[in-house]
Amino acid sequence: MKLDLKLYRGYVNNEELIVFGHLFKSWAPDKFSIEKRGIKHAHAILHKFRIKPLENFEVKLKFKELEVTTKTQEDGYFRFTIPYKADLEPGWHEYEVTCKMYEFGMIEKGELLKPYPGKLAIISDIDDTFLISHSNSFFKKLYVMLSKNINKRKVFDDVVKHYTRLSHSGQDGKAKNSFFFVSSSEWNLYDFIEEFASMHELPKAVIKLKKIKTGLRDFVRSGRGNHDHKFIKIKDIISFYPHLQYVLLGDDSQHDPYLYERICKTFPMNIKAVYIRQTSSKQNGKVQKVMANLNSMNVTTCYFRDSEKAIHHSEREKII
């Protein structure tokens, strides 16, 4: 039996380091690949939801002078939450995780983020916020996911321009704001999201997704169901970096406006702005009321159809 060790981008502050990933029985040779088209692409996506997690297997983290061992949980997930007070330059740093089973062993390298000295951090949804996904149409979303590889998927006009400018602060163009992508998509789709974001030159981000799924029935429900995990993940990010101000970006196809309203009420001093993309021909009246309520809490808001409007708002509010 071969191993498949998947690492995700971690993060660190001045006191603690967090690294996480999954361990499975290998799903090769059906791994997702940008070269795959048609039925081969569909098969690779479906295969991502037929994985077999490995429980209670030992994994070892190496970072700088640090070496720590833990074991995987029931769904193959592992997480290192480690006290860490060593000096570390802002930016991305490489770490290594190893595991061994019988005669098989694996070494994988990942990255973790020490936030830049910018004053802002950006937390963005993925589907229908920057990646056109048709989340409000169940069958169309599944069709697009299965029929189009990442080189055929689209971002909204000017969204890359907006995100690129959000990632920079100051006239020197050097100071950067850190990005986090938080989505209701499952960890099964991490490779897809990471490669798509890289292909379109979106800012490198820590990506936080939903609990891994292990069956084809789960694929049909991908991205749906309870969204409380997003609230918990966003709350954890803000609690981990409480000195930062945050810009939240989402869309009106599902629950983002109401989720972000809860976040603003929970962290009344940390949220600078909320951006919600309009995904249908008319603005949603309930969403308009949420945005008005956020304004009353001194959070600036923008309910927009086109990213150009969001860019102008960010300029006016001196966010970019």
Foldseek 3Di string as FASTA:
>chain_A
DAKDWAWFAWADEQWKTKTKTFIWHDLPPLAADLPDADPSNLVSLLSLQAIGGDFFFKKWKDDDPDIDIDTAHPRRMDMDIGTDRDDDDFDKDKIWMKGDDDPDIDIDIDIYGYWFPDQEAEEEEDDPQFWPQPLLDLVSNSCCSNHDALVRTGTAPCPQVQQQVLQAADPVRPTGHAYEYEAAAEPSCVVRVQVSCVVSVGDDHRYHYDYRHNHSVVVSQGRDDDPVVSLVVVVVVCVNVVSHAYEYTEEDSDCVLVSVLVVCVVNLPRYAEYEYEYDDPDDDPVSVVSQVVVVVSNHHYYYYHHCVSVSVVCVVSVSD
